[in-house]
Each structure stands twice: as C-alpha cells, then as structure tokens.
Amino acid sequence: MLTSGGSIGLLLPFSVPLMVYSIVGHVDLEAANKAVVAPGLLVLLIFSAYAVYIGVKEKIPRKPFDIKEVGLALWEFKWELGIPTV
C-alpha cells in the first residue's frame, strides 16, 4: 500500500513531477493540472476502496479519529505548501 500510494501523488495537480514535465515538455502547466484531476481522483477512489476492503477483510485494527492529531498533521504540512512556488 505504501509504495502504490506514493505514485498516486504524481496524478494530482501541482505535483512537482508534473511541473517538471510541463517545463521540459513545453506543456502549459494550467492545462496539465486540469488534465490530471479526473484520472487522479479515479485512481484515488479505487485505491481507497481497495484499502478499505483489505482492512475489513484482514481485520486490521483501527485508531479512533482524533482532531488534535489532524491539527498537528496539518501544522506539519505547512512547509509542503511552499514547494510549488519554489
């Protein structure tokens, strides 16, 4: 799941590899970002459904939702938001 999930990020708008492809391939960045939305969401939904299916089938233990943990994760994420501008 970890290795497969990492490749999904390439299909999302404003990913660094997509920006590099746009620059090297002389492709309009706005058009490239629009082009990856539908396939990226489709792959993300299929991957999520598969992860839920395996989690239920294998009875993998789950953690309850914790809003404090979400806030800490979003705080750590703030540094990633500057990557597209760099």
PDB file of N, CA and C in Angstrom:
ATOM      1  N   MET A   1       0.829  -1.182   0.000  1.00  0.00           N
ATOM      2  CA  MET A   1       0.000   0.000   0.000  1.00  0.00           C
ATOM      3  C   MET A   1       0.874   1.247   0.000  1.00  0.00           C
ATOM      4  N   LEU A   2       1.961   1.212   0.726  1.00  0.00           N
ATOM      5  CA  LEU A   2       2.813   2.390   0.830  1.00  0.00           C
ATOM      6  C   LEU A   2       3.458   2.730  -0.509  1.00  0.00           C
ATOM      7  N   THR A   3       4.002   1.759  -1.185  1.00  0.00           N
ATOM      8  CA  THR A   3       4.657   2.042  -2.464  1.00  0.00           C
ATOM      9  C   THR A   3       3.646   2.400  -3.545  1.00  0.00           C
ATOM     10  N   SER A   4       2.495   1.788  -3.528  1.00  0.00           N
ATOM     11  CA  SER A   4       1.464   2.122  -4.521  1.00  0.00           C
ATOM     12  C   SER A   4       0.868   3.494  -4.256  1.00  0.00           C
ATOM     13  N   GLY A   5       0.692   3.831  -3.013  1.00  0.00           N
ATOM     14  CA  GLY A   5       0.111   5.117  -2.663  1.00  0.00           C
ATOM     15  C   GLY A   5       1.010   6.285  -3.036  1.00  0.00           C
ATOM     16  N   GLY A   6       2.303   6.090  -3.015  1.00  0.00           N
ATOM     17  CA  GLY A   6       3.222   7.162  -3.373  1.00  0.00           C
ATOM     18  C   GLY A   6       3.099   7.592  -4.818  1.00  0.00           C
ATOM     19  N   SER A   7       2.768   6.662  -5.680  1.00  0.00           N
ATOM     20  CA  SER A   7       2.665   7.007  -7.099  1.00  0.00           C
ATOM     21  C   SER A   7       1.373   7.758  -7.421  1.00  0.00           C
ATOM     22  N   ILE A   8       0.401   7.715  -6.547  1.00  0.00           N
ATOM     23  CA  ILE A   8      -0.846   8.453  -6.784  1.00  0.00           C
ATOM     24  C   ILE A   8      -0.585   9.953  -6.746  1.00  0.00           C
ATOM     25  N   GLY A   9       0.380  10.382  -5.956  1.00  0.00           N
ATOM     26  CA  GLY A   9       0.708  11.795  -5.867  1.00  0.00           C
ATOM     27  C   GLY A   9       1.147  12.397  -7.186  1.00  0.00           C
ATOM     28  N   LEU A  10       1.643  11.573  -8.093  1.00  0.00           N
ATOM     29  CA  LEU A  10       2.057  12.069  -9.402  1.00  0.00           C
ATOM     30  C   LEU A  10       0.860  12.476 -10.253  1.00  0.00           C
ATOM     31  N   LEU A  11      -0.321  11.952  -9.933  1.00  0.00           N
ATOM     32  CA  LEU A  11      -1.515  12.246 -10.714  1.00  0.00           C
ATOM     33  C   LEU A  11      -2.350  13.382 -10.138  1.00  0.00           C
ATOM     34  N   LEU A  12      -1.824  14.070  -9.161  1.00  0.00           N
ATOM     35  CA  LEU A  12      -2.574  15.160  -8.549  1.00  0.00           C
ATOM     36  C   LEU A  12      -2.051  16.507  -9.031  1.00  0.00           C
ATOM     37  N   PRO A  13      -2.934  17.499  -9.133  1.00  0.00           N
ATOM     38  CA  PRO A  13      -2.494  18.820  -9.596  1.00  0.00           C
ATOM     39  C   PRO A  13      -1.412  19.411  -8.702  1.00  0.00           C
ATOM     40  N   PHE A  14      -0.543  20.186  -9.300  1.00  0.00           N
ATOM     41  CA  PHE A  14       0.542  20.901  -8.628  1.00  0.00           C
ATOM     42  C   PHE A  14       1.592  19.979  -8.018  1.00  0.00           C
ATOM     43  N   SER A  15       1.708  18.742  -8.524  1.00  0.00           N
ATOM     44  CA  SER A  15       2.789  17.884  -8.058  1.00  0.00           C
ATOM     45  C   SER A  15       4.082  18.313  -8.737  1.00  0.00           C
ATOM     46  N   VAL A  16       5.182  18.144  -8.050  1.00  0.00           N
ATOM     47  CA  VAL A  16       6.478  18.576  -8.573  1.00  0.00           C
ATOM     48  C   VAL A  16       6.828  17.844  -9.880  1.00  0.00           C
ATOM     49  N   PRO A  17       6.643  16.510  -9.986  1.00  0.00           N
ATOM     50  CA  PRO A  17       6.954  15.862 -11.266  1.00  0.00           C
ATOM     51  C   PRO A  17       6.108  16.388 -12.423  1.00  0.00           C
ATOM     52  N   LEU A  18       4.869  16.758 -12.153  1.00  0.00           N
ATOM     53  CA  LEU A  18       4.019  17.326 -13.205  1.00  0.00           C
ATOM     54  C   LEU A  18       4.555  18.683 -13.653  1.00  0.00           C
ATOM     55  N   MET A  19       5.030  19.471 -12.701  1.00  0.00           N
ATOM     56  CA  MET A  19       5.611  20.767 -13.056  1.00  0.00           C
ATOM     57  C   MET A  19       6.879  20.596 -13.890  1.00  0.00           C
ATOM     58  N   VAL A  20       7.720  19.639 -13.495  1.00  0.00           N
ATOM     59  CA  VAL A  20       8.945  19.380 -14.259  1.00  0.00           C
ATOM     60  C   VAL A  20       8.592  18.913 -15.666  1.00  0.00           C
ATOM     61  N   TYR A  21       7.608  18.023 -15.777  1.00  0.00           N
ATOM     62  CA  TYR A  21       7.177  17.561 -17.097  1.00  0.00           C
ATOM     63  C   TYR A  21       6.684  18.729 -17.950  1.00  0.00           C
ATOM     64  N   SER A  22       5.931  19.631 -17.345  1.00  0.00           N
ATOM     65  CA  SER A  22       5.405  20.782 -18.085  1.00  0.00           C
ATOM     66  C   SER A  22       6.529  21.669 -18.607  1.00  0.00           C
ATOM     67  N   ILE A  23       7.549  21.847 -17.797  1.00  0.00           N
ATOM     68  CA  ILE A  23       8.672  22.695 -18.202  1.00  0.00           C
ATOM     69  C   ILE A  23       9.486  22.014 -19.307  1.00  0.00           C
ATOM     70  N   VAL A  24       9.831  20.751 -19.098  1.00  0.00           N
ATOM     71  CA  VAL A  24      10.675  20.038 -20.058  1.00  0.00           C
ATOM     72  C   VAL A  24       9.921  19.767 -21.357  1.00  0.00           C
ATOM     73  N   GLY A  25       8.665  19.400 -21.260  1.00  0.00           N
ATOM     74  CA  GLY A  25       7.878  19.068 -22.448  1.00  0.00           C
ATOM     75  C   GLY A  25       7.196  20.244 -23.107  1.00  0.00           C
ATOM     76  N   HIS A  26       7.432  21.462 -22.583  1.00  0.00           N
ATOM     77  CA  HIS A  26       6.803  22.675 -23.121  1.00  0.00           C
ATOM     78  C   HIS A  26       5.282  22.531 -23.184  1.00  0.00           C
ATOM     79  N   VAL A  27       4.724  22.031 -22.077  1.00  0.00           N
ATOM     80  CA  VAL A  27       3.273  21.861 -21.954  1.00  0.00           C
ATOM     81  C   VAL A  27       2.761  22.933 -21.004  1.00  0.00           C
ATOM     82  N   ASP A  28       1.620  23.508 -21.325  1.00  0.00           N
ATOM     83  CA  ASP A  28       1.015  24.518 -20.463  1.00  0.00           C
ATOM     84  C   ASP A  28       0.715  23.912 -19.094  1.00  0.00           C
ATOM     85  N   LEU A  29       1.245  24.515 -18.046  1.00  0.00           N
ATOM     86  CA  LEU A  29       1.079  23.977 -16.687  1.00  0.00           C
ATOM     87  C   LEU A  29      -0.385  23.949 -16.269  1.00  0.00           C
ATOM     88  N   GLU A  30      -1.137  24.968 -16.619  1.00  0.00           N
ATOM     89  CA  GLU A  30      -2.564  25.004 -16.262  1.00  0.00           C
ATOM     90  C   GLU A  30      -3.324  23.865 -16.939  1.00  0.00           C
ATOM     91  N   ALA A  31      -3.020  23.615 -18.205  1.00  0.00           N
ATOM     92  CA  ALA A  31      -3.675  22.520 -18.927  1.00  0.00           C
ATOM     93  C   ALA A  31      -3.279  21.168 -18.343  1.00  0.00           C
ATOM     94  N   ALA A  32      -2.010  21.024 -17.976  1.00  0.00           N
ATOM     95  CA  ALA A  32      -1.551  19.757 -17.385  1.00  0.00           C
ATOM     96  C   ALA A  32      -2.229  19.512 -16.040  1.00  0.00           C
ATOM     97  N   ASN A  33      -2.380  20.572 -15.239  1.00  0.00           N
ATOM     98  CA  ASN A  33      -3.044  20.422 -13.943  1.00  0.00           C
ATOM     99  C   ASN A  33      -4.513  20.034 -14.108  1.00  0.00           C
ATOM    100  N   LYS A  34      -5.169  20.602 -15.104  1.00  0.00           N
ATOM    101  CA  LYS A  34      -6.566  20.246 -15.366  1.00  0.00           C
ATOM    102  C   LYS A  34      -6.682  18.812 -15.882  1.00  0.00           C
ATOM    103  N   ALA A  35      -5.696  18.381 -16.652  1.00  0.00           N
ATOM    104  CA  ALA A  35      -5.756  17.055 -17.270  1.00  0.00           C
ATOM    105  C   ALA A  35      -5.596  15.918 -16.269  1.00  0.00           C
ATOM    106  N   VAL A  36      -4.963  16.151 -15.134  1.00  0.00           N
ATOM    107  CA  VAL A  36      -4.726  15.073 -14.180  1.00  0.00           C
ATOM    108  C   VAL A  36      -5.791  14.976 -13.091  1.00  0.00           C
ATOM    109  N   VAL A  37      -6.740  15.884 -13.048  1.00  0.00           N
ATOM    110  CA  VAL A  37      -7.738  15.874 -11.969  1.00  0.00           C
ATOM    111  C   VAL A  37      -8.622  14.630 -12.040  1.00  0.00           C
ATOM    112  N   ALA A  38      -9.254  14.375 -13.167  1.00  0.00           N
ATOM    113  CA  ALA A  38     -10.180  13.237 -13.275  1.00  0.00           C
ATOM    114  C   ALA A  38      -9.466  11.892 -13.109  1.00  0.00           C
ATOM    115  N   PRO A  39      -8.357  11.626 -13.806  1.00  0.00           N
ATOM    116  CA  PRO A  39      -7.680  10.345 -13.596  1.00  0.00           C
ATOM    117  C   PRO A  39      -7.145  10.203 -12.175  1.00  0.00           C
ATOM    118  N   GLY A  40      -6.656  11.309 -11.606  1.00  0.00           N
ATOM    119  CA  GLY A  40      -6.135  11.254 -10.241  1.00  0.00           C
ATOM    120  C   GLY A  40      -7.214  10.908  -9.227  1.00  0.00           C
ATOM    121  N   LEU A  41      -8.384  11.521  -9.367  1.00  0.00           N
ATOM    122  CA  LEU A  41      -9.487  11.215  -8.452  1.00  0.00           C
ATOM    123  C   LEU A  41      -9.992   9.785  -8.627  1.00  0.00           C
ATOM    124  N   LEU A  42     -10.043   9.322  -9.865  1.00  0.00           N
ATOM    125  CA  LEU A  42     -10.486   7.952 -10.126  1.00  0.00           C
ATOM    126  C   LEU A  42      -9.541   6.941  -9.483  1.00  0.00           C
ATOM    127  N   VAL A  43      -8.246   7.120  -9.688  1.00  0.00           N
ATOM    128  CA  VAL A  43      -7.264   6.208  -9.100  1.00  0.00           C
ATOM    129  C   VAL A  43      -7.309   6.298  -7.579  1.00  0.00           C
ATOM    130  N   LEU A  44      -7.469   7.500  -7.049  1.00  0.00           N
ATOM    131  CA  LEU A  44      -7.553   7.683  -5.598  1.00  0.00           C
ATOM    132  C   LEU A  44      -8.766   6.981  -5.006  1.00  0.00           C
ATOM    133  N   LEU A  45      -9.913   7.077  -5.667  1.00  0.00           N
ATOM    134  CA  LEU A  45     -11.124   6.397  -5.184  1.00  0.00           C
ATOM    135  C   LEU A  45     -10.979   4.875  -5.236  1.00  0.00           C
ATOM    136  N   ILE A  46     -10.435   4.368  -6.329  1.00  0.00           N
ATOM    137  CA  ILE A  46     -10.245   2.916  -6.451  1.00  0.00           C
ATOM    138  C   ILE A  46      -9.253   2.419  -5.407  1.00  0.00           C
ATOM    139  N   PHE A  47      -8.154   3.146  -5.217  1.00  0.00           N
ATOM    140  CA  PHE A  47      -7.154   2.763  -4.229  1.00  0.00           C
ATOM    141  C   PHE A  47      -7.731   2.798  -2.813  1.00  0.00           C
ATOM    142  N   SER A  48      -8.526   3.822  -2.513  1.00  0.00           N
ATOM    143  CA  SER A  48      -9.146   3.926  -1.190  1.00  0.00           C
ATOM    144  C   SER A  48     -10.122   2.783  -0.944  1.00  0.00           C
ATOM    145  N   ALA A  49     -10.929   2.456  -1.953  1.00  0.00           N
ATOM    146  CA  ALA A  49     -11.875   1.352  -1.814  1.00  0.00           C
ATOM    147  C   ALA A  49     -11.137   0.043  -1.583  1.00  0.00           C
ATOM    148  N   TYR A  50     -10.043  -0.169  -2.291  1.00  0.00           N
ATOM    149  CA  TYR A  50      -9.253  -1.385  -2.114  1.00  0.00           C
ATOM    150  C   TYR A  50      -8.654  -1.444  -0.707  1.00  0.00           C
ATOM    151  N   ALA A  51      -8.152  -0.301  -0.211  1.00  0.00           N
ATOM    152  CA  ALA A  51      -7.574  -0.264   1.131  1.00  0.00           C
ATOM    153  C   ALA A  51      -8.622  -0.575   2.196  1.00  0.00           C
ATOM    154  N   VAL A  52      -9.828  -0.036   2.029  1.00  0.00           N
ATOM    155  CA  VAL A  52     -10.909  -0.325   2.980  1.00  0.00           C
ATOM    156  C   VAL A  52     -11.277  -1.801   2.918  1.00  0.00           C
ATOM    157  N   TYR A  53     -11.385  -2.343   1.713  1.00  0.00           N
ATOM    158  CA  TYR A  53     -11.720  -3.755   1.542  1.00  0.00           C
ATOM    159  C   TYR A  53     -10.688  -4.658   2.234  1.00  0.00           C
ATOM    160  N   ILE A  54      -9.427  -4.406   2.017  1.00  0.00           N
ATOM    161  CA  ILE A  54      -8.376  -5.221   2.637  1.00  0.00           C
ATOM    162  C   ILE A  54      -8.385  -5.036   4.151  1.00  0.00           C
ATOM    163  N   GLY A  55      -8.597  -3.806   4.611  1.00  0.00           N
ATOM    164  CA  GLY A  55      -8.641  -3.561   6.049  1.00  0.00           C
ATOM    165  C   GLY A  55      -9.754  -4.316   6.743  1.00  0.00           C
ATOM    166  N   VAL A  56     -10.913  -4.380   6.127  1.00  0.00           N
ATOM    167  CA  VAL A  56     -12.046  -5.111   6.704  1.00  0.00           C
ATOM    168  C   VAL A  56     -11.811  -6.616   6.601  1.00  0.00           C
ATOM    169  N   LYS A  57     -11.328  -7.054   5.447  1.00  0.00           N
ATOM    170  CA  LYS A  57     -11.108  -8.481   5.217  1.00  0.00           C
ATOM    171  C   LYS A  57     -10.061  -9.063   6.178  1.00  0.00           C
ATOM    172  N   GLU A  58      -8.975  -8.319   6.382  1.00  0.00           N
ATOM    173  CA  GLU A  58      -7.879  -8.801   7.236  1.00  0.00           C
ATOM    174  C   GLU A  58      -8.061  -8.405   8.707  1.00  0.00           C
ATOM    175  N   LYS A  59      -9.134  -7.691   9.017  1.00  0.00           N
ATOM    176  CA  LYS A  59      -9.443  -7.243  10.385  1.00  0.00           C
ATOM    177  C   LYS A  59      -8.272  -6.464  10.997  1.00  0.00           C
ATOM    178  N   ILE A  60      -7.777  -5.501  10.247  1.00  0.00           N
ATOM    179  CA  ILE A  60      -6.671  -4.668  10.711  1.00  0.00           C
ATOM    180  C   ILE A  60      -7.204  -3.696  11.762  1.00  0.00           C
ATOM    181  N   PRO A  61      -6.532  -3.579  12.919  1.00  0.00           N
ATOM    182  CA  PRO A  61      -7.028  -2.674  13.969  1.00  0.00           C
ATOM    183  C   PRO A  61      -6.961  -1.222  13.516  1.00  0.00           C
ATOM    184  N   ARG A  62      -7.955  -0.451  13.963  1.00  0.00           N
ATOM    185  CA  ARG A  62      -8.052   0.952  13.590  1.00  0.00           C
ATOM    186  C   ARG A  62      -7.943   1.844  14.806  1.00  0.00           C
ATOM    187  N   LYS A  63      -7.530   3.089  14.570  1.00  0.00           N
ATOM    188  CA  LYS A  63      -7.474   4.082  15.630  1.00  0.00           C
ATOM    189  C   LYS A  63      -8.691   4.991  15.512  1.00  0.00           C
ATOM    190  N   PRO A  64      -9.250   5.441  16.625  1.00  0.00           N
ATOM    191  CA  PRO A  64     -10.369   6.389  16.539  1.00  0.00           C
ATOM    192  C   PRO A  64      -9.882   7.743  16.017  1.00  0.00           C
ATOM    193  N   PHE A  65     -10.806   8.486  15.409  1.00  0.00           N
ATOM    194  CA  PHE A  65     -10.484   9.804  14.857  1.00  0.00           C
ATOM    195  C   PHE A  65     -10.142  10.759  15.988  1.00  0.00           C
ATOM    196  N   ASP A  66      -9.020  11.466  15.828  1.00  0.00           N
ATOM    197  CA  ASP A  66      -8.568  12.429  16.838  1.00  0.00           C
ATOM    198  C   ASP A  66      -8.304  13.769  16.153  1.00  0.00           C
ATOM    199  N   ILE A  67      -9.109  14.770  16.464  1.00  0.00           N
ATOM    200  CA  ILE A  67      -8.995  16.078  15.823  1.00  0.00           C
ATOM    201  C   ILE A  67      -7.660  16.743  16.155  1.00  0.00           C
ATOM    202  N   LYS A  68      -7.119  16.481  17.325  1.00  0.00           N
ATOM    203  CA  LYS A  68      -5.830  17.062  17.711  1.00  0.00           C
ATOM    204  C   LYS A  68      -4.714  16.518  16.813  1.00  0.00           C
ATOM    205  N   GLU A  69      -4.762  15.242  16.520  1.00  0.00           N
ATOM    206  CA  GLU A  69      -3.767  14.636  15.638  1.00  0.00           C
ATOM    207  C   GLU A  69      -3.879  15.208  14.214  1.00  0.00           C
ATOM    208  N   VAL A  70      -5.095  15.487  13.769  1.00  0.00           N
ATOM    209  CA  VAL A  70      -5.296  16.100  12.458  1.00  0.00           C
ATOM    210  C   VAL A  70      -4.689  17.500  12.437  1.00  0.00           C
ATOM    211  N   GLY A  71      -4.909  18.257  13.486  1.00  0.00           N
ATOM    212  CA  GLY A  71      -4.339  19.597  13.575  1.00  0.00           C
ATOM    213  C   GLY A  71      -2.823  19.588  13.549  1.00  0.00           C
ATOM    214  N   LEU A  72      -2.215  18.643  14.258  1.00  0.00           N
ATOM    215  CA  LEU A  72      -0.757  18.532  14.249  1.00  0.00           C
ATOM    216  C   LEU A  72      -0.240  18.143  12.864  1.00  0.00           C
ATOM    217  N   ALA A  73      -0.944  17.254  12.186  1.00  0.00           N
ATOM    218  CA  ALA A  73      -0.536  16.851  10.840  1.00  0.00           C
ATOM    219  C   ALA A  73      -0.642  18.023   9.872  1.00  0.00           C
ATOM    220  N   LEU A  74      -1.702  18.817   9.975  1.00  0.00           N
ATOM    221  CA  LEU A  74      -1.841  19.984   9.112  1.00  0.00           C
ATOM    222  C   LEU A  74      -0.761  21.024   9.407  1.00  0.00           C
ATOM    223  N   TRP A  75      -0.379  21.157  10.667  1.00  0.00           N
ATOM    224  CA  TRP A  75       0.683  22.080  11.024  1.00  0.00           C
ATOM    225  C   TRP A  75       2.010  21.640  10.389  1.00  0.00           C
ATOM    226  N   GLU A  76       2.287  20.349  10.374  1.00  0.00           N
ATOM    227  CA  GLU A  76       3.494  19.825   9.732  1.00  0.00           C
ATOM    228  C   GLU A  76       3.430  20.020   8.216  1.00  0.00           C
ATOM    229  N   PHE A  77       2.251  20.019   7.643  1.00  0.00           N
ATOM    230  CA  PHE A  77       2.047  20.127   6.198  1.00  0.00           C
ATOM    231  C   PHE A  77       2.335  21.525   5.661  1.00  0.00           C
ATOM    232  N   LYS A  78       2.359  22.504   6.533  1.00  0.00           N
ATOM    233  CA  LYS A  78       2.503  23.899   6.084  1.00  0.00           C
ATOM    234  C   LYS A  78       3.768  24.110   5.260  1.00  0.00           C
ATOM    235  N   TRP A  79       4.831  23.370   5.523  1.00  0.00           N
ATOM    236  CA  TRP A  79       6.080  23.534   4.772  1.00  0.00           C
ATOM    237  C   TRP A  79       5.953  22.993   3.353  1.00  0.00           C
ATOM    238  N   GLU A  80       5.074  22.041   3.127  1.00  0.00           N
ATOM    239  CA  GLU A  80       4.887  21.477   1.790  1.00  0.00           C
ATOM    240  C   GLU A  80       4.151  22.442   0.865  1.00  0.00           C
ATOM    241  N   LEU A  81       3.402  23.357   1.419  1.00  0.00           N
ATOM    242  CA  LEU A  81       2.626  24.288   0.590  1.00  0.00           C
ATOM    243  C   LEU A  81       3.503  25.249  -0.208  1.00  0.00           C
ATOM    244  N   GLY A  82       4.735  25.471   0.233  1.00  0.00           N
ATOM    245  CA  GLY A  82       5.620  26.388  -0.479  1.00  0.00           C
ATOM    246  C   GLY A  82       6.346  25.774  -1.650  1.00  0.00           C
ATOM    247  N   ILE A  83       6.288  24.461  -1.810  1.00  0.00           N
ATOM    248  CA  ILE A  83       7.044  23.790  -2.869  1.00  0.00           C
ATOM    249  C   ILE A  83       6.659  24.284  -4.267  1.00  0.00           C
ATOM    250  N   PRO A  84       5.389  24.423  -4.611  1.00  0.00           N
ATOM    251  CA  PRO A  84       5.082  24.896  -5.963  1.00  0.00           C
ATOM    252  C   PRO A  84       5.627  26.291  -6.274  1.00  0.00           C
ATOM    253  N   THR A  85       5.769  27.138  -5.258  1.00  0.00           N
ATOM    254  CA  THR A  85       6.273  28.478  -5.516  1.00  0.00           C
ATOM    255  C   THR A  85       7.781  28.486  -5.715  1.00  0.00           C
ATOM    256  N   VAL A  86       8.448  27.513  -5.140  1.00  0.00           N
ATOM    257  CA  VAL A  86       9.915  27.440  -5.287  1.00  0.00           C
ATOM    258  C   VAL A  86      10.232  26.977  -6.678  1.00  0.00           C
TER     259      VAL A  86
END
